């Protein structure tokens, strides 16, 4: 199988959305004001996602190396240790 996780319907949906985006971009080139605004809005969303992905890929190796140096197996376990409060209560409503 070429793309095992994509159904034919999902691929048609993606192609349709991209075709509408291409049509809006063509109308923006033709000078339609609403299409220019829609293209700028769509482009800014795409650029924002790309910048976030790039920043994540730049920061992730540093956080992983720091985690490995400190020997933390599960980052959430270090953030939320399982200890009982000093007054002996178990949860938000107190004991029992």
C-alpha atoms as a PDB file:
ATOM      1  CA  UNK A   1       0.000   0.000   0.000  1.00  0.00           C
ATOM      2  CA  UNK A   2       1.256   3.423  -0.876  1.00  0.00           C
ATOM      3  CA  UNK A   3      -0.515   5.433   1.847  1.00  0.00           C
ATOM      4  CA  UNK A   4      -2.020   2.978   4.311  1.00  0.00           C
ATOM      5  CA  UNK A   5      -3.483   5.548   6.737  1.00  0.00           C
ATOM      6  CA  UNK A   6      -5.301   7.669   4.157  1.00  0.00           C
ATOM      7  CA  UNK A   7      -8.636   6.643   2.771  1.00  0.00           C
ATOM      8  CA  UNK A   8      -9.739   7.666  -0.687  1.00  0.00           C
ATOM      9  CA  UNK A   9     -12.390   9.979   0.760  1.00  0.00           C
ATOM     10  CA  UNK A  10      -9.849  11.744   2.969  1.00  0.00           C
ATOM     11  CA  UNK A  11      -7.532  12.252   0.013  1.00  0.00           C
ATOM     12  CA  UNK A  12     -10.405  13.725  -2.033  1.00  0.00           C
ATOM     13  CA  UNK A  13     -11.230  16.055   0.867  1.00  0.00           C
ATOM     14  CA  UNK A  14      -7.629  17.260   1.099  1.00  0.00           C
ATOM     15  CA  UNK A  15      -7.468  17.789  -2.664  1.00  0.00           C
ATOM     16  CA  UNK A  16     -10.737  19.738  -2.604  1.00  0.00           C
ATOM     17  CA  UNK A  17      -9.537  22.028   0.198  1.00  0.00           C
ATOM     18  CA  UNK A  18      -6.261  22.649  -1.622  1.00  0.00           C
ATOM     19  CA  UNK A  19      -8.128  23.329  -4.877  1.00  0.00           C
ATOM     20  CA  UNK A  20     -10.291  25.946  -3.130  1.00  0.00           C
ATOM     21  CA  UNK A  21      -7.132  27.529  -1.671  1.00  0.00           C
ATOM     22  CA  UNK A  22      -5.587  27.624  -5.148  1.00  0.00           C
ATOM     23  CA  UNK A  23      -8.760  29.207  -6.553  1.00  0.00           C
ATOM     24  CA  UNK A  24      -8.702  31.887  -3.850  1.00  0.00           C
ATOM     25  CA  UNK A  25      -5.014  32.552  -4.553  1.00  0.00           C
ATOM     26  CA  UNK A  26      -5.772  32.890  -8.286  1.00  0.00           C
ATOM     27  CA  UNK A  27      -8.577  35.340  -7.561  1.00  0.00           C
ATOM     28  CA  UNK A  28      -6.195  37.280  -5.302  1.00  0.00           C
ATOM     29  CA  UNK A  29      -3.716  37.556  -8.164  1.00  0.00           C
ATOM     30  CA  UNK A  30      -6.582  38.808 -10.341  1.00  0.00           C
ATOM     31  CA  UNK A  31      -7.140  41.609  -7.802  1.00  0.00           C
ATOM     32  CA  UNK A  32     -10.275  40.618  -5.900  1.00  0.00           C
ATOM     33  CA  UNK A  33     -10.028  42.391  -2.503  1.00  0.00           C
ATOM     34  CA  UNK A  34     -11.730  39.655  -0.485  1.00  0.00           C
ATOM     35  CA  UNK A  35      -9.453  37.026  -2.018  1.00  0.00           C
ATOM     36  CA  UNK A  36      -6.362  39.095  -1.186  1.00  0.00           C
ATOM     37  CA  UNK A  37      -7.506  39.307   2.440  1.00  0.00           C
ATOM     38  CA  UNK A  38      -8.290  35.596   2.586  1.00  0.00           C
ATOM     39  CA  UNK A  39      -4.911  34.728   1.062  1.00  0.00           C
ATOM     40  CA  UNK A  40      -3.073  36.945   3.538  1.00  0.00           C
ATOM     41  CA  UNK A  41      -5.021  35.425   6.444  1.00  0.00           C
ATOM     42  CA  UNK A  42      -4.386  31.859   5.268  1.00  0.00           C
ATOM     43  CA  UNK A  43      -0.739  32.625   4.601  1.00  0.00           C
ATOM     44  CA  UNK A  44      -0.275  34.126   8.051  1.00  0.00           C
ATOM     45  CA  UNK A  45      -1.793  31.036   9.684  1.00  0.00           C
ATOM     46  CA  UNK A  46       0.516  28.776   7.683  1.00  0.00           C
ATOM     47  CA  UNK A  47       3.571  30.906   8.556  1.00  0.00           C
ATOM     48  CA  UNK A  48       2.591  30.867  12.242  1.00  0.00           C
ATOM     49  CA  UNK A  49       2.358  27.075  12.260  1.00  0.00           C
ATOM     50  CA  UNK A  50       5.697  26.780  10.476  1.00  0.00           C
ATOM     51  CA  UNK A  51       7.413  29.130  12.945  1.00  0.00           C
ATOM     52  CA  UNK A  52       6.008  27.186  15.893  1.00  0.00           C
ATOM     53  CA  UNK A  53       7.157  23.891  14.383  1.00  0.00           C
ATOM     54  CA  UNK A  54      10.622  25.309  13.714  1.00  0.00           C
ATOM     55  CA  UNK A  55      10.952  26.656  17.251  1.00  0.00           C
ATOM     56  CA  UNK A  56       9.805  23.309  18.664  1.00  0.00           C
ATOM     57  CA  UNK A  57      12.393  21.465  16.588  1.00  0.00           C
ATOM     58  CA  UNK A  58      15.099  23.879  17.742  1.00  0.00           C
ATOM     59  CA  UNK A  59      14.239  23.668  21.457  1.00  0.00           C
ATOM     60  CA  UNK A  60      13.347  19.973  21.731  1.00  0.00           C
ATOM     61  CA  UNK A  61      16.930  18.575  21.565  1.00  0.00           C
ATOM     62  CA  UNK A  62      18.008  20.870  24.418  1.00  0.00           C
ATOM     63  CA  UNK A  63      15.164  19.790  26.668  1.00  0.00           C
ATOM     64  CA  UNK A  64      15.763  16.116  25.877  1.00  0.00           C
ATOM     65  CA  UNK A  65      19.476  16.379  26.633  1.00  0.00           C
ATOM     66  CA  UNK A  66      18.718  18.180  29.899  1.00  0.00           C
ATOM     67  CA  UNK A  67      16.200  15.496  30.870  1.00  0.00           C
ATOM     68  CA  UNK A  68      18.698  12.741  30.114  1.00  0.00           C
ATOM     69  CA  UNK A  69      21.457  14.447  32.103  1.00  0.00           C
ATOM     70  CA  UNK A  70      19.220  14.787  35.143  1.00  0.00           C
ATOM     71  CA  UNK A  71      18.085  11.172  34.853  1.00  0.00           C
ATOM     72  CA  UNK A  72      14.374  11.945  34.865  1.00  0.00           C
ATOM     73  CA  UNK A  73      12.502   9.017  33.342  1.00  0.00           C
ATOM     74  CA  UNK A  74       9.057  10.603  33.314  1.00  0.00           C
ATOM     75  CA  UNK A  75       8.965  14.419  33.276  1.00  0.00           C
ATOM     76  CA  UNK A  76       5.447  14.490  34.736  1.00  0.00           C
ATOM     77  CA  UNK A  77       6.508  12.342  37.672  1.00  0.00           C
ATOM     78  CA  UNK A  78       9.149  14.936  38.569  1.00  0.00           C
ATOM     79  CA  UNK A  79       6.660  17.775  38.256  1.00  0.00           C
ATOM     80  CA  UNK A  80       3.975  16.068  40.381  1.00  0.00           C
ATOM     81  CA  UNK A  81       5.596  13.877  43.056  1.00  0.00           C
ATOM     82  CA  UNK A  82       3.325  11.475  44.902  1.00  0.00           C
ATOM     83  CA  UNK A  83       3.576  12.695  48.471  1.00  0.00           C
ATOM     84  CA  UNK A  84       0.985  13.261  51.151  1.00  0.00           C
ATOM     85  CA  UNK A  85       0.463  16.745  52.574  1.00  0.00           C
ATOM     86  CA  UNK A  86       1.938  17.456  56.035  1.00  0.00           C
ATOM     87  CA  UNK A  87      -1.493  17.576  57.696  1.00  0.00           C
ATOM     88  CA  UNK A  88      -2.206  13.979  56.669  1.00  0.00           C
ATOM     89  CA  UNK A  89      -5.126  14.791  54.380  1.00  0.00           C
ATOM     90  CA  UNK A  90      -5.515  12.600  51.335  1.00  0.00           C
ATOM     91  CA  UNK A  91      -7.394  14.757  48.873  1.00  0.00           C
ATOM     92  CA  UNK A  92      -9.175  18.064  48.525  1.00  0.00           C
ATOM     93  CA  UNK A  93     -11.947  16.972  50.894  1.00  0.00           C
ATOM     94  CA  UNK A  94      -9.642  15.768  53.684  1.00  0.00           C
ATOM     95  CA  UNK A  95      -9.229  12.238  55.045  1.00  0.00           C
ATOM     96  CA  UNK A  96     -11.741   9.507  54.374  1.00  0.00           C
END
